[in-house]
Amino acid sequence: MSDVAQVRAAMARSKARGRVAMIIADNLKTHTAQGALLVRRMLTELSDQLYLVYTPAYDPDANRIEWLWRISRRVVTHNHQRRDFETLLTDVRTHFETLPRSPDDLLRHIGSPFAPDKRPPQSQALAA
């Protein structure tokens, strides 16, 4: 599904509920009216049905993937003593394959204040 189709689908859901669609977008130039004619046209056409909310240009505390990278770097790459790249790569794969699968566990894993009990899980055992 294209980005435009996703926006239109979100708008249709909101309109069916009698609401204006609010879409959170990053500040990538092609996602803004200043940087993309398509976005400019869509905002003009749908101004009464669509509101775009832009995240700050760089805000690692608001960007959850940054939280995941932070814990992954701490668990896998910081202060590592591996002898070769293959061992490091294996540890990275192991780390991501063993990440919690449930949303609550993943939130706990990244230390999110939205986690049910806000306690991070025990560190994973990786190669030394």
N, C-alpha and C. Protein backbone atom coordinates (compact mmCIF):
# COMPACT_ATOMS: atom_id res chain seq x y z
N MET A 1 0.84 -1.17 0.00
CA MET A 1 0.00 0.00 0.00
C MET A 1 0.90 1.25 0.00
N SER A 2 0.60 2.17 -0.85
CA SER A 2 1.40 3.40 -0.93
C SER A 2 1.10 4.30 0.26
N ASP A 3 1.99 5.27 0.48
CA ASP A 3 1.79 6.23 1.57
C ASP A 3 0.49 6.99 1.39
N VAL A 4 0.20 7.38 0.14
CA VAL A 4 -1.02 8.13 -0.13
C VAL A 4 -2.25 7.26 0.17
N ALA A 5 -2.20 6.00 -0.20
CA ALA A 5 -3.31 5.09 0.08
C ALA A 5 -3.49 4.91 1.58
N GLN A 6 -2.38 4.85 2.33
CA GLN A 6 -2.47 4.72 3.78
C GLN A 6 -3.12 5.95 4.40
N VAL A 7 -2.73 7.13 3.91
CA VAL A 7 -3.31 8.37 4.42
C VAL A 7 -4.80 8.42 4.12
N ARG A 8 -5.16 8.08 2.89
CA ARG A 8 -6.58 8.09 2.51
C ARG A 8 -7.39 7.07 3.32
N ALA A 9 -6.81 5.90 3.60
CA ALA A 9 -7.50 4.90 4.41
C ALA A 9 -7.71 5.41 5.84
N ALA A 10 -6.68 6.05 6.39
CA ALA A 10 -6.81 6.63 7.74
C ALA A 10 -7.87 7.72 7.76
N MET A 11 -7.90 8.53 6.71
CA MET A 11 -8.91 9.58 6.63
C MET A 11 -10.31 8.99 6.55
N ALA A 12 -10.47 7.94 5.76
CA ALA A 12 -11.79 7.30 5.62
C ALA A 12 -12.26 6.76 6.97
N ARG A 13 -11.35 6.14 7.74
CA ARG A 13 -11.72 5.63 9.07
C ARG A 13 -12.15 6.78 9.99
N SER A 14 -11.36 7.84 9.96
CA SER A 14 -11.69 8.99 10.82
C SER A 14 -12.99 9.65 10.40
N LYS A 15 -13.18 9.81 9.11
CA LYS A 15 -14.40 10.45 8.60
C LYS A 15 -15.63 9.63 8.98
N ALA A 16 -15.52 8.29 8.90
CA ALA A 16 -16.63 7.42 9.27
C ALA A 16 -17.00 7.58 10.75
N ARG A 17 -16.04 8.01 11.55
CA ARG A 17 -16.28 8.24 12.98
C ARG A 17 -16.63 9.69 13.29
N GLY A 18 -16.72 10.50 12.22
CA GLY A 18 -17.03 11.92 12.40
C GLY A 18 -15.86 12.72 12.92
N ARG A 19 -14.65 12.29 12.61
CA ARG A 19 -13.45 12.94 13.12
C ARG A 19 -12.54 13.38 11.97
N VAL A 20 -11.62 14.25 12.29
CA VAL A 20 -10.55 14.66 11.38
C VAL A 20 -9.40 13.69 11.58
N ALA A 21 -8.76 13.26 10.50
CA ALA A 21 -7.61 12.35 10.61
C ALA A 21 -6.39 13.15 11.03
N MET A 22 -5.70 12.67 12.06
CA MET A 22 -4.44 13.25 12.49
C MET A 22 -3.36 12.21 12.24
N ILE A 23 -2.38 12.57 11.44
CA ILE A 23 -1.32 11.63 11.07
C ILE A 23 0.01 12.19 11.56
N ILE A 24 0.75 11.35 12.28
CA ILE A 24 2.08 11.74 12.75
C ILE A 24 3.08 11.35 11.68
N ALA A 25 3.91 12.31 11.30
CA ALA A 25 4.91 12.08 10.25
C ALA A 25 6.25 12.63 10.71
N ASP A 26 7.31 12.05 10.15
CA ASP A 26 8.63 12.60 10.46
C ASP A 26 8.86 13.81 9.54
N ASN A 27 9.96 14.46 9.73
CA ASN A 27 10.26 15.67 8.96
C ASN A 27 11.06 15.41 7.69
N LEU A 28 11.00 14.19 7.18
CA LEU A 28 11.65 13.91 5.91
C LEU A 28 11.07 14.86 4.88
N LYS A 29 11.92 15.46 4.09
CA LYS A 29 11.50 16.50 3.16
C LYS A 29 10.32 16.05 2.29
N THR A 30 10.33 14.80 1.85
CA THR A 30 9.25 14.33 0.97
C THR A 30 7.94 14.09 1.72
N HIS A 31 7.93 14.28 3.04
CA HIS A 31 6.70 14.13 3.81
C HIS A 31 6.08 15.48 4.16
N THR A 32 6.68 16.56 3.68
CA THR A 32 6.20 17.90 4.01
C THR A 32 5.63 18.60 2.78
N ALA A 33 4.75 19.55 3.03
CA ALA A 33 4.18 20.34 1.94
C ALA A 33 5.24 21.18 1.24
N GLN A 34 6.25 21.61 1.99
CA GLN A 34 7.32 22.42 1.39
C GLN A 34 8.20 21.58 0.48
N GLY A 35 8.32 20.30 0.76
CA GLY A 35 9.25 19.47 0.01
C GLY A 35 8.63 18.55 -1.02
N ALA A 36 7.30 18.42 -1.00
CA ALA A 36 6.67 17.48 -1.92
C ALA A 36 5.35 18.04 -2.45
N LEU A 37 5.27 18.14 -3.74
CA LEU A 37 4.07 18.64 -4.40
C LEU A 37 2.87 17.74 -4.07
N LEU A 38 3.07 16.45 -4.02
CA LEU A 38 1.99 15.51 -3.71
C LEU A 38 1.39 15.80 -2.33
N VAL A 39 2.23 16.02 -1.34
CA VAL A 39 1.76 16.32 0.01
C VAL A 39 1.03 17.67 0.01
N ARG A 40 1.60 18.65 -0.68
CA ARG A 40 0.97 19.97 -0.76
C ARG A 40 -0.43 19.87 -1.36
N ARG A 41 -0.56 19.13 -2.46
CA ARG A 41 -1.87 18.95 -3.11
C ARG A 41 -2.86 18.24 -2.19
N MET A 42 -2.38 17.20 -1.53
CA MET A 42 -3.26 16.43 -0.65
C MET A 42 -3.74 17.29 0.51
N LEU A 43 -2.85 18.08 1.10
CA LEU A 43 -3.26 18.95 2.21
C LEU A 43 -4.23 20.03 1.75
N THR A 44 -4.04 20.54 0.55
CA THR A 44 -4.96 21.55 0.00
C THR A 44 -6.33 20.93 -0.25
N GLU A 45 -6.33 19.78 -0.90
CA GLU A 45 -7.58 19.08 -1.24
C GLU A 45 -8.35 18.64 0.00
N LEU A 46 -7.64 18.19 1.01
CA LEU A 46 -8.28 17.56 2.17
C LEU A 46 -8.11 18.36 3.45
N SER A 47 -7.94 19.66 3.34
CA SER A 47 -7.61 20.49 4.51
C SER A 47 -8.62 20.38 5.64
N ASP A 48 -9.88 20.10 5.35
CA ASP A 48 -10.88 19.99 6.41
C ASP A 48 -10.99 18.57 6.99
N GLN A 49 -10.24 17.61 6.40
CA GLN A 49 -10.32 16.22 6.83
C GLN A 49 -9.00 15.65 7.36
N LEU A 50 -7.91 16.40 7.17
CA LEU A 50 -6.59 15.85 7.46
C LEU A 50 -5.73 16.88 8.18
N TYR A 51 -5.04 16.40 9.21
CA TYR A 51 -4.10 17.25 9.93
C TYR A 51 -2.81 16.45 10.13
N LEU A 52 -1.69 16.98 9.63
CA LEU A 52 -0.40 16.32 9.79
C LEU A 52 0.31 16.91 11.00
N VAL A 53 0.83 16.03 11.85
CA VAL A 53 1.60 16.43 13.03
C VAL A 53 3.01 15.92 12.80
N TYR A 54 3.97 16.82 12.83
CA TYR A 54 5.36 16.45 12.55
C TYR A 54 6.15 16.26 13.85
N THR A 55 6.93 15.20 13.88
CA THR A 55 7.81 14.97 15.01
C THR A 55 9.00 15.92 14.89
N PRO A 56 9.70 16.17 16.00
CA PRO A 56 10.90 17.00 15.91
C PRO A 56 11.92 16.38 14.95
N ALA A 57 12.78 17.21 14.39
CA ALA A 57 13.76 16.72 13.43
C ALA A 57 14.61 15.58 13.99
N TYR A 58 15.05 15.72 15.23
CA TYR A 58 15.78 14.63 15.86
C TYR A 58 15.47 14.66 17.34
N ASP A 59 14.74 13.67 17.79
CA ASP A 59 14.35 13.58 19.19
C ASP A 59 14.39 12.11 19.60
N PRO A 60 15.57 11.62 20.00
CA PRO A 60 15.70 10.19 20.31
C PRO A 60 14.81 9.72 21.45
N ASP A 61 14.43 10.61 22.36
CA ASP A 61 13.55 10.19 23.45
C ASP A 61 12.11 9.98 22.99
N ALA A 62 11.73 10.62 21.89
CA ALA A 62 10.37 10.45 21.37
C ALA A 62 10.30 9.35 20.32
N ASN A 63 11.43 8.92 19.83
CA ASN A 63 11.49 7.93 18.77
C ASN A 63 11.80 6.57 19.38
N ARG A 64 10.82 5.69 19.46
CA ARG A 64 10.97 4.41 20.15
C ARG A 64 12.05 3.52 19.54
N ILE A 65 12.29 3.62 18.24
CA ILE A 65 13.34 2.77 17.65
C ILE A 65 14.69 3.16 18.23
N GLU A 66 14.87 4.42 18.58
CA GLU A 66 16.12 4.84 19.22
C GLU A 66 16.28 4.16 20.57
N TRP A 67 15.19 3.93 21.28
CA TRP A 67 15.25 3.23 22.56
C TRP A 67 15.73 1.81 22.35
N LEU A 68 15.21 1.17 21.30
CA LEU A 68 15.62 -0.20 21.00
C LEU A 68 17.10 -0.24 20.62
N TRP A 69 17.56 0.70 19.80
CA TRP A 69 18.98 0.73 19.42
C TRP A 69 19.85 0.95 20.66
N ARG A 70 19.40 1.82 21.56
CA ARG A 70 20.17 2.12 22.77
C ARG A 70 20.43 0.86 23.59
N ILE A 71 19.37 0.07 23.83
CA ILE A 71 19.55 -1.15 24.62
C ILE A 71 20.34 -2.18 23.83
N SER A 72 20.11 -2.25 22.53
CA SER A 72 20.84 -3.23 21.71
C SER A 72 22.32 -2.91 21.68
N ARG A 73 22.67 -1.66 21.57
CA ARG A 73 24.09 -1.29 21.59
C ARG A 73 24.71 -1.64 22.93
N ARG A 74 23.99 -1.37 24.02
CA ARG A 74 24.53 -1.67 25.34
C ARG A 74 24.72 -3.18 25.53
N VAL A 75 23.76 -3.98 25.07
CA VAL A 75 23.82 -5.42 25.26
C VAL A 75 24.84 -6.06 24.32
N VAL A 76 24.93 -5.59 23.09
CA VAL A 76 25.73 -6.30 22.08
C VAL A 76 27.07 -5.65 21.76
N THR A 77 27.10 -4.36 21.53
CA THR A 77 28.32 -3.79 20.96
C THR A 77 29.22 -3.02 21.91
N HIS A 78 28.68 -2.46 22.98
CA HIS A 78 29.54 -1.69 23.88
C HIS A 78 30.50 -2.60 24.64
N ASN A 79 31.74 -2.22 24.66
CA ASN A 79 32.77 -2.94 25.41
C ASN A 79 32.88 -4.42 25.04
N HIS A 80 32.64 -4.73 23.80
CA HIS A 80 32.72 -6.14 23.41
C HIS A 80 34.18 -6.56 23.20
N GLN A 81 34.42 -7.83 23.38
CA GLN A 81 35.77 -8.39 23.26
C GLN A 81 35.79 -9.53 22.22
N ARG A 82 35.06 -9.37 21.16
CA ARG A 82 35.01 -10.43 20.15
C ARG A 82 36.24 -10.36 19.26
N ARG A 83 36.66 -11.51 18.79
CA ARG A 83 37.89 -11.57 17.98
C ARG A 83 37.64 -11.31 16.50
N ASP A 84 36.39 -11.49 16.05
CA ASP A 84 36.14 -11.28 14.62
C ASP A 84 34.71 -10.76 14.41
N PHE A 85 34.48 -10.26 13.21
CA PHE A 85 33.19 -9.67 12.87
C PHE A 85 32.08 -10.70 12.87
N GLU A 86 32.36 -11.91 12.45
CA GLU A 86 31.33 -12.96 12.40
C GLU A 86 30.75 -13.24 13.78
N THR A 87 31.58 -13.23 14.81
CA THR A 87 31.09 -13.45 16.17
C THR A 87 30.19 -12.30 16.59
N LEU A 88 30.59 -11.09 16.27
CA LEU A 88 29.77 -9.92 16.58
C LEU A 88 28.43 -10.02 15.85
N LEU A 89 28.46 -10.35 14.58
CA LEU A 89 27.24 -10.49 13.79
C LEU A 89 26.33 -11.57 14.37
N THR A 90 26.88 -12.67 14.78
CA THR A 90 26.10 -13.74 15.42
C THR A 90 25.43 -13.23 16.68
N ASP A 91 26.15 -12.47 17.49
CA ASP A 91 25.58 -11.93 18.72
C ASP A 91 24.47 -10.92 18.43
N VAL A 92 24.64 -10.12 17.40
CA VAL A 92 23.58 -9.17 17.02
C VAL A 92 22.33 -9.94 16.60
N ARG A 93 22.51 -10.96 15.78
CA ARG A 93 21.36 -11.77 15.36
C ARG A 93 20.68 -12.44 16.56
N THR A 94 21.47 -13.00 17.45
CA THR A 94 20.92 -13.64 18.65
C THR A 94 20.12 -12.64 19.47
N HIS A 95 20.67 -11.46 19.63
CA HIS A 95 19.98 -10.42 20.40
C HIS A 95 18.61 -10.11 19.80
N PHE A 96 18.56 -9.86 18.49
CA PHE A 96 17.29 -9.49 17.87
C PHE A 96 16.33 -10.66 17.77
N GLU A 97 16.82 -11.87 17.62
CA GLU A 97 15.95 -13.04 17.56
C GLU A 97 15.33 -13.36 18.92
N THR A 98 16.00 -12.96 19.99
CA THR A 98 15.49 -13.27 21.33
C THR A 98 14.78 -12.09 21.99
N LEU A 99 14.58 -11.01 21.25
CA LEU A 99 13.82 -9.89 21.82
C LEU A 99 12.41 -10.36 22.16
N PRO A 100 11.84 -9.79 23.17
CA PRO A 100 10.47 -10.15 23.53
C PRO A 100 9.53 -9.95 22.35
N ARG A 101 8.55 -10.82 22.26
CA ARG A 101 7.59 -10.73 21.15
C ARG A 101 6.31 -10.00 21.52
N SER A 102 5.94 -10.00 22.80
CA SER A 102 4.70 -9.32 23.17
C SER A 102 4.98 -7.82 23.33
N PRO A 103 4.00 -6.98 23.02
CA PRO A 103 4.20 -5.53 23.17
C PRO A 103 4.60 -5.12 24.58
N ASP A 104 3.98 -5.72 25.60
CA ASP A 104 4.32 -5.36 26.98
C ASP A 104 5.77 -5.71 27.30
N ASP A 105 6.20 -6.89 26.87
CA ASP A 105 7.58 -7.30 27.14
C ASP A 105 8.58 -6.44 26.38
N LEU A 106 8.24 -6.07 25.15
CA LEU A 106 9.15 -5.22 24.37
C LEU A 106 9.24 -3.83 25.01
N LEU A 107 8.12 -3.29 25.46
CA LEU A 107 8.15 -2.00 26.15
C LEU A 107 9.02 -2.08 27.40
N ARG A 108 8.90 -3.17 28.13
CA ARG A 108 9.72 -3.36 29.34
C ARG A 108 11.19 -3.46 28.94
N HIS A 109 11.46 -4.17 27.84
CA HIS A 109 12.83 -4.38 27.38
C HIS A 109 13.53 -3.06 27.06
N ILE A 110 12.82 -2.13 26.44
CA ILE A 110 13.44 -0.86 26.07
C ILE A 110 13.34 0.18 27.18
N GLY A 111 12.77 -0.21 28.32
CA GLY A 111 12.69 0.71 29.45
C GLY A 111 11.64 1.78 29.29
N SER A 112 10.62 1.49 28.53
CA SER A 112 9.56 2.47 28.29
C SER A 112 8.78 2.76 29.55
N PRO A 113 8.42 4.02 29.77
CA PRO A 113 7.56 4.34 30.91
C PRO A 113 6.15 3.79 30.72
N PHE A 114 5.85 3.28 29.52
CA PHE A 114 4.54 2.72 29.25
C PHE A 114 4.47 1.22 29.51
N ALA A 115 5.59 0.62 29.90
CA ALA A 115 5.61 -0.81 30.22
C ALA A 115 4.79 -1.05 31.48
N PRO A 116 4.12 -2.20 31.57
CA PRO A 116 3.27 -2.46 32.73
C PRO A 116 3.97 -2.30 34.08
N ASP A 117 5.17 -2.85 34.22
CA ASP A 117 5.84 -2.71 35.52
C ASP A 117 7.15 -1.95 35.43
N LYS A 118 7.51 -1.47 34.24
CA LYS A 118 8.68 -0.61 34.01
C LYS A 118 10.01 -1.24 34.40
N ARG A 119 10.08 -2.56 34.52
CA ARG A 119 11.35 -3.20 34.85
C ARG A 119 11.93 -3.87 33.60
N PRO A 120 13.16 -3.53 33.22
CA PRO A 120 13.76 -4.19 32.07
C PRO A 120 14.06 -5.66 32.39
N PRO A 121 14.02 -6.51 31.35
CA PRO A 121 14.33 -7.92 31.57
C PRO A 121 15.82 -8.13 31.84
N GLN A 122 16.19 -9.31 32.27
CA GLN A 122 17.58 -9.64 32.51
C GLN A 122 18.34 -9.60 31.18
N SER A 123 19.60 -9.21 31.21
CA SER A 123 20.43 -9.16 30.01
C SER A 123 20.59 -10.57 29.44
N GLN A 124 20.74 -10.62 28.14
CA GLN A 124 20.92 -11.89 27.47
C GLN A 124 22.38 -12.30 27.52
N ALA A 125 22.63 -13.60 27.60
CA ALA A 125 24.00 -14.09 27.59
C ALA A 125 24.50 -14.11 26.14
N LEU A 126 25.59 -13.42 25.88
CA LEU A 126 26.18 -13.38 24.55
C LEU A 126 27.62 -13.88 24.62
N ALA A 127 28.18 -14.10 23.44
CA ALA A 127 29.57 -14.57 23.38
C ALA A 127 30.50 -13.55 24.03
N ALA A 128 31.54 -14.02 24.65
CA ALA A 128 32.51 -13.11 25.29
C ALA A 128 33.65 -12.82 24.34
